[in-house]
C-alpha atoms as a PDB file:
ATOM      1  CA  UNK A   1      47.173-137.677 136.927  1.00  0.00           C
ATOM      2  CA  UNK A   2      49.135-137.526 133.705  1.00  0.00           C
ATOM      3  CA  UNK A   3      46.977-138.193 130.659  1.00  0.00           C
ATOM      4  CA  UNK A   4      47.475-141.562 128.995  1.00  0.00           C
ATOM      5  CA  UNK A   5      49.938-141.617 126.106  1.00  0.00           C
ATOM      6  CA  UNK A   6      48.201-140.842 122.800  1.00  0.00           C
ATOM      7  CA  UNK A   7      49.199-144.198 121.314  1.00  0.00           C
ATOM      8  CA  UNK A   8      47.729-146.122 124.254  1.00  0.00           C
ATOM      9  CA  UNK A   9      44.321-144.501 123.944  1.00  0.00           C
ATOM     10  CA  UNK A  10      41.684-146.829 122.568  1.00  0.00           C
ATOM     11  CA  UNK A  11      40.855-146.227 118.965  1.00  0.00           C
ATOM     12  CA  UNK A  12      37.561-144.305 118.945  1.00  0.00           C
ATOM     13  CA  UNK A  13      36.418-145.197 115.461  1.00  0.00           C
ATOM     14  CA  UNK A  14      35.000-148.728 115.473  1.00  0.00           C
ATOM     15  CA  UNK A  15      35.393-151.026 112.494  1.00  0.00           C
ATOM     16  CA  UNK A  16      31.665-150.667 111.827  1.00  0.00           C
ATOM     17  CA  UNK A  17      31.753-146.870 111.614  1.00  0.00           C
ATOM     18  CA  UNK A  18      34.863-146.977 109.425  1.00  0.00           C
ATOM     19  CA  UNK A  19      33.219-149.479 107.086  1.00  0.00           C
ATOM     20  CA  UNK A  20      30.148-147.232 106.987  1.00  0.00           C
ATOM     21  CA  UNK A  21      32.318-144.212 106.150  1.00  0.00           C
ATOM     22  CA  UNK A  22      34.007-146.125 103.327  1.00  0.00           C
ATOM     23  CA  UNK A  23      30.670-147.139 101.806  1.00  0.00           C
ATOM     24  CA  UNK A  24      29.202-143.651 102.160  1.00  0.00           C
ATOM     25  CA  UNK A  25      32.196-142.063 100.467  1.00  0.00           C
ATOM     26  CA  UNK A  26      32.001-144.601  97.643  1.00  0.00           C
ATOM     27  CA  UNK A  27      28.280-144.364  96.916  1.00  0.00           C
ATOM     28  CA  UNK A  28      27.066-140.959  98.118  1.00  0.00           C
ATOM     29  CA  UNK A  29      27.403-137.603  96.341  1.00  0.00           C
ATOM     30  CA  UNK A  30      29.457-134.895  98.052  1.00  0.00           C
ATOM     31  CA  UNK A  31      26.443-133.275  99.728  1.00  0.00           C
ATOM     32  CA  UNK A  32      25.454-136.635 101.224  1.00  0.00           C
ATOM     33  CA  UNK A  33      28.975-137.269 102.496  1.00  0.00           C
ATOM     34  CA  UNK A  34      29.040-133.889 104.227  1.00  0.00           C
ATOM     35  CA  UNK A  35      25.621-134.484 105.795  1.00  0.00           C
ATOM     36  CA  UNK A  36      26.621-137.839 107.298  1.00  0.00           C
ATOM     37  CA  UNK A  37      30.050-136.536 108.355  1.00  0.00           C
ATOM     38  CA  UNK A  38      28.384-133.706 110.271  1.00  0.00           C
ATOM     39  CA  UNK A  39      26.308-136.074 112.411  1.00  0.00           C
ATOM     40  CA  UNK A  40      29.149-138.504 113.032  1.00  0.00           C
ATOM     41  CA  UNK A  41      31.330-135.586 114.156  1.00  0.00           C
ATOM     42  CA  UNK A  42      28.527-134.395 116.460  1.00  0.00           C
ATOM     43  CA  UNK A  43      28.548-137.785 118.189  1.00  0.00           C
ATOM     44  CA  UNK A  44      32.316-137.833 118.718  1.00  0.00           C
ATOM     45  CA  UNK A  45      32.353-134.181 119.777  1.00  0.00           C
ATOM     46  CA  UNK A  46      29.724-134.745 122.475  1.00  0.00           C
ATOM     47  CA  UNK A  47      31.441-137.874 123.819  1.00  0.00           C
ATOM     48  CA  UNK A  48      35.042-136.580 123.816  1.00  0.00           C
ATOM     49  CA  UNK A  49      35.352-134.266 126.798  1.00  0.00           C
ATOM     50  CA  UNK A  50      39.153-134.520 127.076  1.00  0.00           C
ATOM     51  CA  UNK A  51      39.650-133.959 123.362  1.00  0.00           C
ATOM     52  CA  UNK A  52      37.423-130.861 123.470  1.00  0.00           C
ATOM     53  CA  UNK A  53      39.532-129.517 126.325  1.00  0.00           C
ATOM     54  CA  UNK A  54      42.799-130.253 124.518  1.00  0.00           C
ATOM     55  CA  UNK A  55      41.698-128.519 121.320  1.00  0.00           C
ATOM     56  CA  UNK A  56      40.467-125.527 123.316  1.00  0.00           C
ATOM     57  CA  UNK A  57      43.915-125.348 124.958  1.00  0.00           C
ATOM     58  CA  UNK A  58      45.600-125.405 121.547  1.00  0.00           C
ATOM     59  CA  UNK A  59      43.353-122.609 120.273  1.00  0.00           C
ATOM     60  CA  UNK A  60      44.078-120.515 123.363  1.00  0.00           C
ATOM     61  CA  UNK A  61      47.843-120.939 122.890  1.00  0.00           C
ATOM     62  CA  UNK A  62      47.473-120.027 119.235  1.00  0.00           C
ATOM     63  CA  UNK A  63      45.518-116.842 119.891  1.00  0.00           C
ATOM     64  CA  UNK A  64      47.909-115.730 122.646  1.00  0.00           C
ATOM     65  CA  UNK A  65      50.944-116.064 120.386  1.00  0.00           C
ATOM     66  CA  UNK A  66      49.218-115.044 117.140  1.00  0.00           C
ATOM     67  CA  UNK A  67      46.719-112.303 118.128  1.00  0.00           C
ATOM     68  CA  UNK A  68      45.798-111.684 114.487  1.00  0.00           C
ATOM     69  CA  UNK A  69      44.361-115.182 114.149  1.00  0.00           C
ATOM     70  CA  UNK A  70      40.590-115.059 113.867  1.00  0.00           C
ATOM     71  CA  UNK A  71      38.719-118.186 114.908  1.00  0.00           C
ATOM     72  CA  UNK A  72      35.121-118.864 113.848  1.00  0.00           C
ATOM     73  CA  UNK A  73      32.221-119.275 116.236  1.00  0.00           C
ATOM     74  CA  UNK A  74      32.147-122.730 117.826  1.00  0.00           C
ATOM     75  CA  UNK A  75      35.815-123.056 116.884  1.00  0.00           C
ATOM     76  CA  UNK A  76      36.356-126.284 118.853  1.00  0.00           C
ATOM     77  CA  UNK A  77      33.469-128.004 117.083  1.00  0.00           C
ATOM     78  CA  UNK A  78      34.643-126.589 113.741  1.00  0.00           C
ATOM     79  CA  UNK A  79      38.045-128.201 114.332  1.00  0.00           C
ATOM     80  CA  UNK A  80      36.379-131.560 115.018  1.00  0.00           C
ATOM     81  CA  UNK A  81      34.365-131.094 111.830  1.00  0.00           C
ATOM     82  CA  UNK A  82      37.527-130.318 109.820  1.00  0.00           C
ATOM     83  CA  UNK A  83      39.020-133.576 111.100  1.00  0.00           C
ATOM     84  CA  UNK A  84      35.891-135.505 110.138  1.00  0.00           C
ATOM     85  CA  UNK A  85      36.069-134.083 106.628  1.00  0.00           C
ATOM     86  CA  UNK A  86      39.755-135.004 106.469  1.00  0.00           C
ATOM     87  CA  UNK A  87      38.902-138.620 107.348  1.00  0.00           C
ATOM     88  CA  UNK A  88      36.246-138.717 104.614  1.00  0.00           C
ATOM     89  CA  UNK A  89      38.750-137.258 102.139  1.00  0.00           C
ATOM     90  CA  UNK A  90      41.258-140.005 102.995  1.00  0.00           C
ATOM     91  CA  UNK A  91      38.740-142.552 101.804  1.00  0.00           C
ATOM     92  CA  UNK A  92      37.726-140.398  98.840  1.00  0.00           C
ATOM     93  CA  UNK A  93      41.270-140.111  97.496  1.00  0.00           C
ATOM     94  CA  UNK A  94      41.780-143.890  97.552  1.00  0.00           C
ATOM     95  CA  UNK A  95      38.478-144.301  95.718  1.00  0.00           C
ATOM     96  CA  UNK A  96      39.689-141.843  93.051  1.00  0.00           C
ATOM     97  CA  UNK A  97      37.217-139.088  93.916  1.00  0.00           C
ATOM     98  CA  UNK A  98      40.224-136.841  94.555  1.00  0.00           C
ATOM     99  CA  UNK A  99      42.766-137.062  91.732  1.00  0.00           C
ATOM    100  CA  UNK A 100      46.235-135.798  91.045  1.00  0.00           C
ATOM    101  CA  UNK A 101      44.762-133.129  88.771  1.00  0.00           C
ATOM    102  CA  UNK A 102      42.819-131.762  91.758  1.00  0.00           C
ATOM    103  CA  UNK A 103      46.076-131.082  93.623  1.00  0.00           C
ATOM    104  CA  UNK A 104      47.584-127.595  93.632  1.00  0.00           C
ATOM    105  CA  UNK A 105      51.363-128.121  93.740  1.00  0.00           C
ATOM    106  CA  UNK A 106      53.375-125.509  95.650  1.00  0.00           C
ATOM    107  CA  UNK A 107      56.969-126.580  94.987  1.00  0.00           C
ATOM    108  CA  UNK A 108      58.930-123.337  95.170  1.00  0.00           C
ATOM    109  CA  UNK A 109      62.213-125.184  95.805  1.00  0.00           C
ATOM    110  CA  UNK A 110      61.742-127.636  92.912  1.00  0.00           C
ATOM    111  CA  UNK A 111      61.831-130.803  94.994  1.00  0.00           C
ATOM    112  CA  UNK A 112      60.076-132.553  92.136  1.00  0.00           C
ATOM    113  CA  UNK A 113      63.377-132.454  90.217  1.00  0.00           C
ATOM    114  CA  UNK A 114      65.018-134.545  92.969  1.00  0.00           C
ATOM    115  CA  UNK A 115      62.056-136.910  93.218  1.00  0.00           C
ATOM    116  CA  UNK A 116      62.095-137.602  89.493  1.00  0.00           C
ATOM    117  CA  UNK A 117      65.851-138.017  89.192  1.00  0.00           C
ATOM    118  CA  UNK A 118      67.635-141.347  88.771  1.00  0.00           C
ATOM    119  CA  UNK A 119      70.844-142.246  90.563  1.00  0.00           C
ATOM    120  CA  UNK A 120      70.644-139.762  93.458  1.00  0.00           C
ATOM    121  CA  UNK A 121      70.459-140.715  97.123  1.00  0.00           C
ATOM    122  CA  UNK A 122      67.089-140.531  98.813  1.00  0.00           C
ATOM    123  CA  UNK A 123      65.943-137.838 101.202  1.00  0.00           C
ATOM    124  CA  UNK A 124      63.765-137.330 104.275  1.00  0.00           C
ATOM    125  CA  UNK A 125      60.239-135.866 104.191  1.00  0.00           C
ATOM    126  CA  UNK A 126      59.130-134.444 107.534  1.00  0.00           C
ATOM    127  CA  UNK A 127      55.353-134.364 107.980  1.00  0.00           C
ATOM    128  CA  UNK A 128      52.976-133.733 110.868  1.00  0.00           C
ATOM    129  CA  UNK A 129      49.403-134.226 112.028  1.00  0.00           C
ATOM    130  CA  UNK A 130      48.482-130.922 110.464  1.00  0.00           C
ATOM    131  CA  UNK A 131      46.437-130.955 107.298  1.00  0.00           C
ATOM    132  CA  UNK A 132      45.971-134.231 105.435  1.00  0.00           C
ATOM    133  CA  UNK A 133      49.245-135.805 104.338  1.00  0.00           C
ATOM    134  CA  UNK A 134      47.357-139.026 103.484  1.00  0.00           C
ATOM    135  CA  UNK A 135      46.304-137.254 100.290  1.00  0.00           C
ATOM    136  CA  UNK A 136      49.966-137.081  99.260  1.00  0.00           C
ATOM    137  CA  UNK A 137      50.546-140.722 100.129  1.00  0.00           C
ATOM    138  CA  UNK A 138      47.624-141.794  97.964  1.00  0.00           C
ATOM    139  CA  UNK A 139      48.716-139.715  94.982  1.00  0.00           C
ATOM    140  CA  UNK A 140      52.333-140.922  95.037  1.00  0.00           C
ATOM    141  CA  UNK A 141      51.343-143.944  92.951  1.00  0.00           C
ATOM    142  CA  UNK A 142      49.410-141.886  90.403  1.00  0.00           C
ATOM    143  CA  UNK A 143      52.002-142.556  87.713  1.00  0.00           C
ATOM    144  CA  UNK A 144      53.240-138.965  87.520  1.00  0.00           C
ATOM    145  CA  UNK A 145      56.506-139.802  89.336  1.00  0.00           C
ATOM    146  CA  UNK A 146      57.538-143.312  88.273  1.00  0.00           C
ATOM    147  CA  UNK A 147      61.060-142.950  89.713  1.00  0.00           C
ATOM    148  CA  UNK A 148      59.862-141.832  93.145  1.00  0.00           C
ATOM    149  CA  UNK A 149      59.717-144.507  95.863  1.00  0.00           C
ATOM    150  CA  UNK A 150      58.401-143.544  99.300  1.00  0.00           C
ATOM    151  CA  UNK A 151      58.670-145.404 102.616  1.00  0.00           C
ATOM    152  CA  UNK A 152      56.441-144.247 105.475  1.00  0.00           C
ATOM    153  CA  UNK A 153      57.440-144.618 109.122  1.00  0.00           C
ATOM    154  CA  UNK A 154      54.279-144.806 111.227  1.00  0.00           C
ATOM    155  CA  UNK A 155      52.841-145.276 114.715  1.00  0.00           C
ATOM    156  CA  UNK A 156      49.698-147.080 113.610  1.00  0.00           C
ATOM    157  CA  UNK A 157      49.138-150.175 115.715  1.00  0.00           C
ATOM    158  CA  UNK A 158      46.594-148.118 117.657  1.00  0.00           C
ATOM    159  CA  UNK A 159      44.594-147.610 114.451  1.00  0.00           C
ATOM    160  CA  UNK A 160      44.522-151.060 112.897  1.00  0.00           C
ATOM    161  CA  UNK A 161      40.829-150.852 112.038  1.00  0.00           C
ATOM    162  CA  UNK A 162      41.344-147.549 110.259  1.00  0.00           C
ATOM    163  CA  UNK A 163      44.257-148.835 108.195  1.00  0.00           C
ATOM    164  CA  UNK A 164      42.316-151.995 107.322  1.00  0.00           C
ATOM    165  CA  UNK A 165      39.423-149.824 106.157  1.00  0.00           C
ATOM    166  CA  UNK A 166      41.793-147.748 104.012  1.00  0.00           C
ATOM    167  CA  UNK A 167      43.108-150.890 102.316  1.00  0.00           C
ATOM    168  CA  UNK A 168      39.548-152.011 101.652  1.00  0.00           C
ATOM    169  CA  UNK A 169      38.923-148.578 100.128  1.00  0.00           C
ATOM    170  CA  UNK A 170      41.785-149.178  97.698  1.00  0.00           C
ATOM    171  CA  UNK A 171      44.914-148.027  99.561  1.00  0.00           C
ATOM    172  CA  UNK A 172      48.037-149.384  97.897  1.00  0.00           C
ATOM    173  CA  UNK A 173      50.838-151.291  99.541  1.00  0.00           C
ATOM    174  CA  UNK A 174      53.232-148.457 100.257  1.00  0.00           C
ATOM    175  CA  UNK A 175      55.962-149.691 102.597  1.00  0.00           C
ATOM    176  CA  UNK A 176      54.777-148.855 106.111  1.00  0.00           C
ATOM    177  CA  UNK A 177      57.418-149.344 108.797  1.00  0.00           C
ATOM    178  CA  UNK A 178      56.518-149.290 112.478  1.00  0.00           C
ATOM    179  CA  UNK A 179      58.707-146.788 114.313  1.00  0.00           C
ATOM    180  CA  UNK A 180      58.776-148.920 117.462  1.00  0.00           C
ATOM    181  CA  UNK A 181      60.204-151.813 115.424  1.00  0.00           C
ATOM    182  CA  UNK A 182      63.340-149.922 114.415  1.00  0.00           C
ATOM    183  CA  UNK A 183      66.443-151.846 115.395  1.00  0.00           C
ATOM    184  CA  UNK A 184      69.947-152.225 113.954  1.00  0.00           C
ATOM    185  CA  UNK A 185      68.700-154.464 111.130  1.00  0.00           C
ATOM    186  CA  UNK A 186      65.859-152.108 110.181  1.00  0.00           C
ATOM    187  CA  UNK A 187      68.209-149.123 110.297  1.00  0.00           C
ATOM    188  CA  UNK A 188      70.545-150.921 107.900  1.00  0.00           C
ATOM    189  CA  UNK A 189      67.607-151.559 105.568  1.00  0.00           C
ATOM    190  CA  UNK A 190      66.618-147.880 105.695  1.00  0.00           C
ATOM    191  CA  UNK A 191      70.184-146.891 104.885  1.00  0.00           C
ATOM    192  CA  UNK A 192      70.159-149.213 101.877  1.00  0.00           C
ATOM    193  CA  UNK A 193      66.868-147.714 100.701  1.00  0.00           C
ATOM    194  CA  UNK A 194      68.279-144.203 100.927  1.00  0.00           C
ATOM    195  CA  UNK A 195      71.324-145.308  98.919  1.00  0.00           C
ATOM    196  CA  UNK A 196      68.984-146.745  96.256  1.00  0.00           C
ATOM    197  CA  UNK A 197      67.314-143.349  95.938  1.00  0.00           C
ATOM    198  CA  UNK A 198      64.188-144.107  97.969  1.00  0.00           C
ATOM    199  CA  UNK A 199      62.680-141.427 100.227  1.00  0.00           C
ATOM    200  CA  UNK A 200      61.469-141.747 103.824  1.00  0.00           C
ATOM    201  CA  UNK A 201      58.499-139.885 105.319  1.00  0.00           C
ATOM    202  CA  UNK A 202      58.116-139.543 109.086  1.00  0.00           C
ATOM    203  CA  UNK A 203      55.961-137.405 111.359  1.00  0.00           C
ATOM    204  CA  UNK A 204      57.812-135.136 113.775  1.00  0.00           C
ATOM    205  CA  UNK A 205      55.090-133.941 116.125  1.00  0.00           C
ATOM    206  CA  UNK A 206      54.118-136.859 118.379  1.00  0.00           C
ATOM    207  CA  UNK A 207      56.137-138.226 121.283  1.00  0.00           C
ATOM    208  CA  UNK A 208      57.414-141.794 120.810  1.00  0.00           C
ATOM    209  CA  UNK A 209      55.611-144.824 122.176  1.00  0.00           C
ATOM    210  CA  UNK A 210      58.638-146.091 124.015  1.00  0.00           C
ATOM    211  CA  UNK A 211      61.855-144.535 125.212  1.00  0.00           C
ATOM    212  CA  UNK A 212      62.516-140.935 126.177  1.00  0.00           C
ATOM    213  CA  UNK A 213      63.944-139.557 122.927  1.00  0.00           C
ATOM    214  CA  UNK A 214      62.243-136.179 123.154  1.00  0.00           C
ATOM    215  CA  UNK A 215      63.281-132.593 123.628  1.00  0.00           C
ATOM    216  CA  UNK A 216      61.256-129.670 124.922  1.00  0.00           C
ATOM    217  CA  UNK A 217      60.953-126.858 122.388  1.00  0.00           C
ATOM    218  CA  UNK A 218      58.859-123.720 122.349  1.00  0.00           C
ATOM    219  CA  UNK A 219      55.624-124.224 120.441  1.00  0.00           C
ATOM    220  CA  UNK A 220      52.933-121.553 120.460  1.00  0.00           C
ATOM    221  CA  UNK A 221      54.415-119.791 123.454  1.00  0.00           C
ATOM    222  CA  UNK A 222      54.984-122.744 125.796  1.00  0.00           C
ATOM    223  CA  UNK A 223      57.378-125.660 125.897  1.00  0.00           C
ATOM    224  CA  UNK A 224      56.152-128.991 124.572  1.00  0.00           C
ATOM    225  CA  UNK A 225      57.876-132.317 124.068  1.00  0.00           C
ATOM    226  CA  UNK A 226      58.690-133.102 120.439  1.00  0.00           C
ATOM    227  CA  UNK A 227      60.270-136.395 119.292  1.00  0.00           C
ATOM    228  CA  UNK A 228      63.939-136.529 118.336  1.00  0.00           C
ATOM    229  CA  UNK A 229      63.431-139.594 116.167  1.00  0.00           C
ATOM    230  CA  UNK A 230      62.981-137.973 112.763  1.00  0.00           C
ATOM    231  CA  UNK A 231      65.990-135.729 113.235  1.00  0.00           C
ATOM    232  CA  UNK A 232      68.225-138.423 114.687  1.00  0.00           C
ATOM    233  CA  UNK A 233      67.250-140.689 111.784  1.00  0.00           C
ATOM    234  CA  UNK A 234      68.145-137.985 109.270  1.00  0.00           C
ATOM    235  CA  UNK A 235      71.482-137.502 111.023  1.00  0.00           C
ATOM    236  CA  UNK A 236      72.321-141.219 111.034  1.00  0.00           C
ATOM    237  CA  UNK A 237      71.309-141.621 107.382  1.00  0.00           C
ATOM    238  CA  UNK A 238      73.135-138.415 106.400  1.00  0.00           C
ATOM    239  CA  UNK A 239      70.138-137.412 104.297  1.00  0.00           C
ATOM    240  CA  UNK A 240      68.785-133.944 103.438  1.00  0.00           C
ATOM    241  CA  UNK A 241      65.566-132.940 105.193  1.00  0.00           C
ATOM    242  CA  UNK A 242      62.474-131.494 103.536  1.00  0.00           C
ATOM    243  CA  UNK A 243      59.009-130.588 104.777  1.00  0.00           C
ATOM    244  CA  UNK A 244      55.645-131.543 103.303  1.00  0.00           C
ATOM    245  CA  UNK A 245      52.213-130.159 104.129  1.00  0.00           C
ATOM    246  CA  UNK A 246      48.952-131.004 102.385  1.00  0.00           C
ATOM    247  CA  UNK A 247      46.473-128.276 103.200  1.00  0.00           C
ATOM    248  CA  UNK A 248      42.807-128.021 102.289  1.00  0.00           C
ATOM    249  CA  UNK A 249      41.995-124.504 101.128  1.00  0.00           C
ATOM    250  CA  UNK A 250      38.720-123.449  99.518  1.00  0.00           C
ATOM    251  CA  UNK A 251      37.762-127.037  98.802  1.00  0.00           C
ATOM    252  CA  UNK A 252      41.030-128.049  97.094  1.00  0.00           C
ATOM    253  CA  UNK A 253      44.283-129.482  98.422  1.00  0.00           C
ATOM    254  CA  UNK A 254      47.579-127.624  98.177  1.00  0.00           C
ATOM    255  CA  UNK A 255      50.733-129.743  98.323  1.00  0.00           C
ATOM    256  CA  UNK A 256      53.454-127.604  99.869  1.00  0.00           C
ATOM    257  CA  UNK A 257      57.011-128.940  99.482  1.00  0.00           C
ATOM    258  CA  UNK A 258      60.037-127.119 100.865  1.00  0.00           C
ATOM    259  CA  UNK A 259      63.710-127.830 101.392  1.00  0.00           C
ATOM    260  CA  UNK A 260      64.359-127.526 105.107  1.00  0.00           C
ATOM    261  CA  UNK A 261      67.916-128.493 106.094  1.00  0.00           C
ATOM    262  CA  UNK A 262      70.924-130.332 104.709  1.00  0.00           C
ATOM    263  CA  UNK A 263      71.985-133.488 106.521  1.00  0.00           C
ATOM    264  CA  UNK A 264      72.435-132.838 110.248  1.00  0.00           C
ATOM    265  CA  UNK A 265      76.135-132.934 111.070  1.00  0.00           C
ATOM    266  CA  UNK A 266      78.235-133.632 114.154  1.00  0.00           C
ATOM    267  CA  UNK A 267      78.506-136.191 116.900  1.00  0.00           C
ATOM    268  CA  UNK A 268      77.764-136.258 120.590  1.00  0.00           C
ATOM    269  CA  UNK A 269      76.903-132.873 122.091  1.00  0.00           C
ATOM    270  CA  UNK A 270      77.360-131.097 118.755  1.00  0.00           C
ATOM    271  CA  UNK A 271      74.832-133.338 117.044  1.00  0.00           C
ATOM    272  CA  UNK A 272      72.474-133.033 120.005  1.00  0.00           C
ATOM    273  CA  UNK A 273      72.584-129.235 119.755  1.00  0.00           C
ATOM    274  CA  UNK A 274      72.118-129.322 115.988  1.00  0.00           C
ATOM    275  CA  UNK A 275      69.101-131.596 116.427  1.00  0.00           C
ATOM    276  CA  UNK A 276      67.616-129.263 119.034  1.00  0.00           C
ATOM    277  CA  UNK A 277      68.079-126.291 116.697  1.00  0.00           C
ATOM    278  CA  UNK A 278      66.370-128.172 113.862  1.00  0.00           C
ATOM    279  CA  UNK A 279      63.487-129.174 116.131  1.00  0.00           C
ATOM    280  CA  UNK A 280      62.918-125.588 117.237  1.00  0.00           C
ATOM    281  CA  UNK A 281      62.995-124.386 113.642  1.00  0.00           C
ATOM    282  CA  UNK A 282      60.384-126.997 112.731  1.00  0.00           C
ATOM    283  CA  UNK A 283      58.177-126.084 115.704  1.00  0.00           C
ATOM    284  CA  UNK A 284      58.334-122.445 114.559  1.00  0.00           C
ATOM    285  CA  UNK A 285      57.383-123.473 111.013  1.00  0.00           C
ATOM    286  CA  UNK A 286      54.495-125.587 112.306  1.00  0.00           C
ATOM    287  CA  UNK A 287      53.264-122.646 114.392  1.00  0.00           C
ATOM    288  CA  UNK A 288      53.212-120.440 111.296  1.00  0.00           C
ATOM    289  CA  UNK A 289      51.185-123.039 109.395  1.00  0.00           C
ATOM    290  CA  UNK A 290      48.738-123.273 112.308  1.00  0.00           C
ATOM    291  CA  UNK A 291      48.338-119.500 112.270  1.00  0.00           C
ATOM    292  CA  UNK A 292      47.446-119.598 108.563  1.00  0.00           C
ATOM    293  CA  UNK A 293      45.006-122.533 108.905  1.00  0.00           C
ATOM    294  CA  UNK A 294      44.161-122.824 112.613  1.00  0.00           C
ATOM    295  CA  UNK A 295      41.498-125.532 112.320  1.00  0.00           C
ATOM    296  CA  UNK A 296      43.767-128.052 110.572  1.00  0.00           C
ATOM    297  CA  UNK A 297      45.754-129.078 113.675  1.00  0.00           C
ATOM    298  CA  UNK A 298      44.745-132.684 114.388  1.00  0.00           C
ATOM    299  CA  UNK A 299      46.585-133.588 117.579  1.00  0.00           C
ATOM    300  CA  UNK A 300      43.717-134.152 120.006  1.00  0.00           C
ATOM    301  CA  UNK A 301      45.745-135.282 123.010  1.00  0.00           C
ATOM    302  CA  UNK A 302      47.232-133.130 125.800  1.00  0.00           C
ATOM    303  CA  UNK A 303      50.065-131.784 123.687  1.00  0.00           C
ATOM    304  CA  UNK A 304      51.589-129.528 126.354  1.00  0.00           C
ATOM    305  CA  UNK A 305      51.089-132.160 129.088  1.00  0.00           C
ATOM    306  CA  UNK A 306      49.271-129.789 131.405  1.00  0.00           C
ATOM    307  CA  UNK A 307      48.875-130.833 135.010  1.00  0.00           C
END
């Protein structure tokens, strides 16, 4: 039987555990946070048989396509642990235990110049469930980029408790727009925001909750369904596309910004082909990032939809 859609799966972190995490991050020193995180991760690891299998499948695909990748012992558990630490860091950044000064900025294409400019149209930021992009979201309002306004398109009704806990931890009111709510009126609003110079961030590595707007592209040696939504949106808004990764390396976060593509052109079959080409290029880029930091892939569902 086909595995249940990721967005329909019941949220595993209860409100109680999320509240506990928030309080621990606020009041405990780093060593205490890591100690508690370890035992919470142990519980979820032992009770998540399907997720263990899915991560093992990902690691197998990765090692087949990238034979130079070296995974640690107990690599599946280590990936769960990396995710647990990422969750704790999401609370820590909103509680100002991770600050803008702690961020290593890797902006080889000088995207900061566009973000800080006045009078230019907005652009698209493509992100994924790799690394910890929540760190970037939290640091947007740090005051270092007063002219930069970010809108985030999300699938987060399946994680209401988590988002509530983030707000209680101090998360600001960044505009969060539900992807499944996009209609003609919302698209018009997004177009107006782009014209005002606002930017839009959207993840491009999870299949949509409704509809069939996906295309199969090669990812780590086998075809997987990726969503068209981000690329179709960029095409309709005629906005340039950039990529953002926030990667934890040696205890610090590196913000990696890159220009990816100009606005996707064409109509009909031409646009469809251009979108497919962009999606394959992004899947290839994501595979390279996974090869460099294999434990930071945080899609725990059956990504390749194995039988």
